[in-house]
Amino acid sequence: MTTQSKPGSGSGTITTTDGTQIYYKDWGTGQPIVFHHGWPLSSDDWDAQMLFFLSKGYRVIAHDRRGHGRSTQTDIGNEMDTYAADVAALAAHLDLKNAIHVGHSTGGGEVARYVARHGAGGRVAKAVLIGAVPPIMLKTPANPGGLPIEVFDGFRSAQAANRAQFFRDVPAGPFYGFNRPGAEVSQGIIDNWWRQGMMGGTKAHYDCIKAFSETDFTEDLKAIDVPVLVMHGDDDQIVPIADSALLSIKLLKKGELKVYKGFPHGMATTHADIINADLLAFFKA
């Protein structure tokens, strides 16, 4: 483990027990907010939030999940228990206390598991799940409303066949709702999604599809005892709201649900002004 850094030290890496390097950004000196990105992106996906909350006096931290972005392109540990342990190592390294953890999509699952298993002892003050995958995405006997395994097999096939094209099609279509009639399409947002995705390792991305679709977070959600804000767009085509946020809110002890009419999966990017304002209100409440 590298030596402990000072708050707002810019950026750096930590080395986990299995030798993986985890890249992170750390700006500012106020109450810490830790941002957890979705598949197959990086900490860069939080640019709009990092700048905004830095300007509001918070310490903003975001990491690249193992196998993603600038972190090691691992072929091992690409599952939720290890993702959460990596966050715990980062929180210990940065000596985070009273932190707010915000997760989008896969990152929401990472937040749920991290807070449930590693968040004791004053480390965590609040959590936010945005378009998040909990409780479980996959259709199972216990989760009949979930998506069939064929959906995720399709993801795997498309990635294996032509990752570069797949990583164009996802943001150009369902991720940001750019496939909806009248959508205001941003080529820059599409290109930035592709750029982030192609920085990561294809093995880790392939494995992460299983991690975000098959992990059951039911017990994690039940165990969390800090306030949790659940934010979800009702036109989320990647993580349908009926089988995610609407179920998660029933499992949380101190949950608050905000549903956004017509908003897509990537609403923290396409509607950053609205999402940031609601996040700020929750942080200050």
Protein backbone atom coordinates (compact mmCIF):
# COMPACT_ATOMS: atom_id res chain seq x y z
CA MET A 1 0.00 0.00 0.00
CA THR A 2 1.28 3.44 -0.89
CA THR A 3 1.55 6.16 1.75
CA GLN A 4 -1.58 8.05 2.72
CA SER A 5 -2.20 11.13 0.59
CA LYS A 6 -3.45 14.52 1.71
CA PRO A 7 -7.02 15.62 0.84
CA GLY A 8 -7.33 17.13 -2.59
CA SER A 9 -4.02 15.69 -3.76
CA GLY A 10 -5.13 15.67 -7.40
CA SER A 11 -4.83 12.12 -8.68
CA GLY A 12 -2.91 8.97 -7.99
CA THR A 13 -3.07 5.20 -7.71
CA ILE A 14 -3.30 2.68 -4.91
CA THR A 15 -2.12 -0.92 -5.16
CA THR A 16 -4.52 -3.55 -3.83
CA THR A 17 -3.54 -6.79 -2.12
CA ASP A 18 -3.57 -8.70 -5.44
CA GLY A 19 -1.30 -6.13 -7.09
CA THR A 20 -3.97 -4.27 -9.04
CA GLN A 21 -3.43 -0.54 -9.44
CA ILE A 22 -6.58 1.52 -8.94
CA TYR A 23 -6.49 5.03 -10.41
CA TYR A 24 -8.36 7.81 -8.62
CA LYS A 25 -8.96 11.58 -8.64
CA ASP A 26 -9.19 13.52 -5.37
CA TRP A 27 -10.01 17.24 -5.45
CA GLY A 28 -10.99 19.68 -2.69
CA THR A 29 -11.04 19.52 1.10
CA GLY A 30 -14.66 19.44 2.36
CA GLN A 31 -16.95 16.52 3.15
CA PRO A 32 -15.96 13.69 0.80
CA ILE A 33 -18.21 12.52 -2.04
CA VAL A 34 -17.07 9.32 -3.75
CA PHE A 35 -18.43 8.68 -7.26
CA HIS A 36 -18.72 5.14 -8.66
CA HIS A 37 -19.06 4.89 -12.45
CA GLY A 38 -21.03 2.49 -14.62
CA TRP A 39 -19.94 -0.17 -17.10
CA PRO A 40 -17.72 0.13 -19.18
CA LEU A 41 -16.77 3.70 -18.32
CA SER A 42 -14.35 5.48 -15.97
CA SER A 43 -14.18 8.26 -13.39
CA ASP A 44 -14.35 10.71 -16.31
CA ASP A 45 -18.07 9.95 -16.57
CA TRP A 46 -18.55 12.14 -13.47
CA ASP A 47 -17.04 15.35 -14.90
CA ALA A 48 -20.28 17.33 -14.56
CA GLN A 49 -20.72 16.25 -10.93
CA MET A 50 -17.05 16.61 -9.90
CA LEU A 51 -16.84 20.22 -11.09
CA PHE A 52 -20.20 21.18 -9.60
CA PHE A 53 -19.64 19.73 -6.13
CA LEU A 54 -16.05 20.94 -5.98
CA SER A 55 -17.45 24.45 -6.52
CA LYS A 56 -19.87 23.86 -3.62
CA GLY A 57 -17.04 23.15 -1.16
CA TYR A 58 -17.02 19.35 -1.19
CA ARG A 59 -14.05 17.02 -1.55
CA VAL A 60 -14.77 15.03 -4.71
CA ILE A 61 -13.24 11.61 -5.37
CA ALA A 62 -13.74 9.20 -8.25
CA HIS A 63 -11.88 6.04 -9.17
CA ASP A 64 -11.56 3.87 -12.27
CA ARG A 65 -12.87 0.40 -11.36
CA ARG A 66 -10.33 -2.39 -11.88
CA GLY A 67 -10.13 -3.27 -15.57
CA HIS A 68 -11.64 0.11 -16.51
CA GLY A 69 -10.10 3.45 -17.50
CA ARG A 70 -6.56 3.95 -16.21
CA SER A 71 -6.63 1.12 -13.67
CA THR A 72 -4.92 -2.22 -14.28
CA GLN A 73 -6.53 -4.26 -17.08
CA THR A 74 -7.15 -7.21 -14.78
CA ASP A 75 -8.25 -10.66 -15.83
CA ILE A 76 -9.11 -11.55 -12.21
CA GLY A 77 -11.35 -10.02 -9.55
CA ASN A 78 -13.88 -8.57 -11.97
CA GLU A 79 -16.83 -9.20 -9.64
CA MET A 80 -18.70 -7.25 -6.98
CA ASP A 81 -17.00 -8.53 -3.83
CA THR A 82 -13.60 -7.48 -5.17
CA TYR A 83 -14.92 -4.20 -6.56
CA ALA A 84 -16.23 -3.34 -3.08
CA ALA A 85 -12.97 -4.42 -1.44
CA ASP A 86 -11.06 -2.16 -3.85
CA VAL A 87 -13.23 0.78 -2.75
CA ALA A 88 -12.58 -0.14 0.89
CA ALA A 89 -8.84 -0.06 0.20
CA LEU A 90 -9.19 3.36 -1.43
CA ALA A 91 -11.30 4.72 1.46
CA ALA A 92 -8.71 3.49 3.95
CA HIS A 93 -5.85 4.97 1.92
CA LEU A 94 -7.59 8.35 1.74
CA ASP A 95 -8.78 8.03 5.37
CA LEU A 96 -12.35 8.85 4.37
CA LYS A 97 -14.87 9.53 7.12
CA ASN A 98 -18.48 10.73 6.90
CA ALA A 99 -18.34 10.21 3.12
CA ILE A 100 -21.25 10.21 0.68
CA HIS A 101 -21.08 7.45 -1.93
CA VAL A 102 -22.82 8.01 -5.28
CA GLY A 103 -23.12 5.16 -7.77
CA HIS A 104 -24.51 5.03 -11.29
CA SER A 105 -25.67 1.76 -12.86
CA THR A 106 -23.01 -0.90 -12.09
CA GLY A 107 -21.50 1.66 -9.71
CA GLY A 108 -24.77 1.62 -7.79
CA GLY A 109 -24.30 -2.07 -7.15
CA GLU A 110 -20.74 -1.37 -6.05
CA VAL A 111 -22.02 1.27 -3.62
CA ALA A 112 -24.64 -1.09 -2.17
CA ARG A 113 -22.10 -3.83 -1.54
CA TYR A 114 -19.40 -1.45 -0.25
CA VAL A 115 -21.71 0.37 2.19
CA ALA A 116 -23.27 -2.89 3.44
CA ARG A 117 -19.97 -4.69 4.00
CA HIS A 118 -17.34 -1.99 4.58
CA GLY A 119 -19.23 1.17 5.55
CA ALA A 120 -19.27 0.82 9.34
CA GLY A 121 -17.30 2.91 11.81
CA GLY A 122 -18.33 6.34 10.55
CA ARG A 123 -16.90 5.87 7.06
CA VAL A 124 -20.24 6.47 5.30
CA ALA A 125 -22.80 9.23 5.94
CA LYS A 126 -25.19 8.74 3.00
CA ALA A 127 -25.48 6.93 -0.31
CA VAL A 128 -27.10 7.56 -3.69
CA LEU A 129 -28.14 5.04 -6.34
CA ILE A 130 -28.64 6.56 -9.81
CA GLY A 131 -30.12 4.33 -12.52
CA ALA A 132 -28.61 1.53 -10.45
CA VAL A 133 -28.66 -2.23 -11.02
CA PRO A 134 -29.84 -3.43 -7.55
CA PRO A 135 -31.57 -5.52 -6.36
CA ILE A 136 -30.78 -7.87 -9.32
CA MET A 137 -31.19 -7.41 -13.07
CA LEU A 138 -31.38 -11.06 -14.15
CA LYS A 139 -34.68 -12.91 -14.40
CA THR A 140 -34.70 -15.74 -11.84
CA PRO A 141 -37.45 -17.72 -10.07
CA ALA A 142 -37.15 -15.22 -7.19
CA ASN A 143 -37.01 -12.26 -9.60
CA PRO A 144 -39.58 -13.05 -12.33
CA GLY A 145 -39.69 -9.46 -13.62
CA GLY A 146 -35.97 -9.41 -14.46
CA LEU A 147 -34.34 -9.46 -17.88
CA PRO A 148 -33.70 -12.90 -19.42
CA ILE A 149 -30.13 -14.20 -19.62
CA GLU A 150 -30.33 -13.90 -23.43
CA VAL A 151 -30.18 -10.09 -23.10
CA PHE A 152 -26.81 -10.27 -21.34
CA ASP A 153 -25.56 -13.06 -23.60
CA GLY A 154 -26.29 -10.62 -26.43
CA PHE A 155 -24.11 -8.01 -24.72
CA ARG A 156 -21.29 -10.52 -24.44
CA SER A 157 -21.61 -11.64 -28.07
CA ALA A 158 -21.65 -8.07 -29.36
CA GLN A 159 -18.61 -7.13 -27.29
CA ALA A 160 -16.65 -10.20 -28.33
CA ALA A 161 -17.53 -9.73 -32.01
CA ASN A 162 -16.74 -6.01 -32.35
CA ARG A 163 -16.26 -4.10 -29.12
CA ALA A 164 -15.47 -0.83 -30.92
CA GLN A 165 -18.77 -0.87 -32.83
CA PHE A 166 -20.77 -2.09 -29.81
CA PHE A 167 -19.36 0.80 -27.79
CA ARG A 168 -20.66 3.21 -30.45
CA ASP A 169 -24.11 1.64 -30.66
CA VAL A 170 -24.86 1.70 -26.91
CA PRO A 171 -24.38 5.47 -26.32
CA ALA A 172 -25.79 6.41 -29.73
CA GLY A 173 -28.95 4.48 -28.86
CA PRO A 174 -30.47 3.40 -25.55
CA PHE A 175 -27.93 4.63 -22.96
CA TYR A 176 -28.79 8.32 -23.32
CA GLY A 177 -32.17 7.88 -24.99
CA PHE A 178 -30.73 9.22 -28.25
CA ASN A 179 -32.87 6.62 -30.07
CA ARG A 180 -36.07 8.34 -28.93
CA PRO A 181 -38.06 10.57 -31.34
CA GLY A 182 -37.07 14.22 -30.95
CA ALA A 183 -34.00 13.45 -28.82
CA GLU A 184 -31.30 16.13 -28.80
CA VAL A 185 -28.32 13.99 -29.79
CA SER A 186 -24.82 15.03 -28.67
CA GLN A 187 -22.03 13.50 -30.74
CA GLY A 188 -19.55 14.66 -28.11
CA ILE A 189 -21.31 12.61 -25.41
CA ILE A 190 -21.34 9.55 -27.70
CA ASP A 191 -17.65 9.98 -28.53
CA ASN A 192 -16.74 10.45 -24.87
CA TRP A 193 -18.57 7.23 -23.89
CA TRP A 194 -16.68 5.38 -26.63
CA ARG A 195 -13.36 6.92 -25.53
CA GLN A 196 -13.87 5.86 -21.92
CA GLY A 197 -14.99 2.37 -22.86
CA MET A 198 -12.10 1.69 -25.21
CA MET A 199 -9.57 2.72 -22.52
CA GLY A 200 -10.53 -0.31 -20.44
CA GLY A 201 -9.70 -3.99 -20.85
CA THR A 202 -12.06 -6.15 -22.85
CA LYS A 203 -11.68 -9.14 -20.48
CA ALA A 204 -12.70 -7.04 -17.48
CA HIS A 205 -15.59 -5.52 -19.43
CA TYR A 206 -16.77 -8.98 -20.51
CA ASP A 207 -16.64 -10.29 -16.93
CA CYS A 208 -18.37 -7.18 -15.59
CA ILE A 209 -21.50 -7.97 -17.62
CA LYS A 210 -22.02 -11.00 -15.35
CA ALA A 211 -21.19 -8.88 -12.28
CA PHE A 212 -23.78 -6.20 -13.01
CA SER A 213 -26.52 -8.54 -14.23
CA GLU A 214 -26.32 -11.60 -11.97
CA THR A 215 -25.24 -10.20 -8.58
CA ASP A 216 -28.08 -10.19 -6.04
CA PHE A 217 -27.91 -7.09 -3.81
CA THR A 218 -31.08 -7.84 -1.82
CA GLU A 219 -29.30 -8.51 1.46
CA ASP A 220 -26.93 -5.56 0.93
CA LEU A 221 -29.87 -3.17 0.57
CA LYS A 222 -31.53 -4.57 3.71
CA ALA A 223 -28.29 -4.14 5.69
CA ILE A 224 -27.66 -0.47 4.83
CA ASP A 225 -28.57 1.79 7.76
CA VAL A 226 -27.61 5.23 6.37
CA PRO A 227 -29.98 7.43 4.32
CA VAL A 228 -30.10 6.39 0.65
CA LEU A 229 -31.48 8.44 -2.25
CA VAL A 230 -32.66 6.30 -5.17
CA MET A 231 -32.86 8.28 -8.44
CA HIS A 232 -34.15 6.70 -11.64
CA GLY A 233 -35.49 7.80 -15.02
CA ASP A 234 -38.76 6.15 -15.98
CA ASP A 235 -37.49 5.84 -19.58
CA ASP A 236 -34.30 4.01 -18.58
CA GLN A 237 -33.79 1.47 -21.38
CA ILE A 238 -30.67 -0.12 -19.84
CA VAL A 239 -31.86 -0.73 -16.27
CA PRO A 240 -35.68 -0.75 -16.39
CA ILE A 241 -37.11 1.06 -13.37
CA ALA A 242 -39.80 -1.51 -12.51
CA ASP A 243 -37.24 -4.17 -11.65
CA SER A 244 -34.64 -1.93 -10.00
CA ALA A 245 -35.46 1.31 -8.19
CA LEU A 246 -39.08 0.38 -7.48
CA LEU A 247 -37.90 -2.83 -5.77
CA SER A 248 -34.81 -1.35 -4.08
CA ILE A 249 -36.81 1.31 -2.28
CA LYS A 250 -38.87 -1.42 -0.55
CA LEU A 251 -35.71 -3.03 0.86
CA LEU A 252 -33.96 0.07 2.22
CA LYS A 253 -34.44 1.12 5.85
CA LYS A 254 -33.94 4.83 5.14
CA GLY A 255 -34.64 5.13 1.43
CA GLU A 256 -36.03 8.05 -0.58
CA LEU A 257 -37.12 7.56 -4.20
CA LYS A 258 -37.08 10.21 -6.93
CA VAL A 259 -38.44 9.23 -10.34
CA TYR A 260 -37.66 11.39 -13.39
CA LYS A 261 -40.29 11.37 -16.12
CA GLY A 262 -38.83 10.62 -19.53
CA PHE A 263 -35.21 10.63 -18.35
CA PRO A 264 -32.75 8.06 -19.77
CA HIS A 265 -30.18 5.81 -18.12
CA GLY A 266 -27.39 8.37 -18.54
CA MET A 267 -29.43 11.21 -17.01
CA ALA A 268 -26.55 12.43 -14.81
CA THR A 269 -24.90 13.52 -18.07
CA THR A 270 -27.88 14.57 -20.18
CA HIS A 271 -29.70 16.31 -17.31
CA ALA A 272 -26.78 17.18 -15.03
CA ASP A 273 -28.30 20.48 -13.87
CA ILE A 274 -31.43 18.77 -12.49
CA ILE A 275 -29.61 15.76 -11.04
CA ASN A 276 -26.91 17.91 -9.40
CA ALA A 277 -29.48 20.18 -7.76
CA ASP A 278 -31.35 17.19 -6.31
CA LEU A 279 -28.10 15.59 -5.13
CA LEU A 280 -27.09 18.82 -3.39
CA ALA A 281 -30.45 19.04 -1.62
CA PHE A 282 -30.06 15.44 -0.37
CA PHE A 283 -26.49 16.01 0.77
CA LYS A 284 -27.52 19.10 2.76
CA ALA A 285 -30.73 17.62 4.21
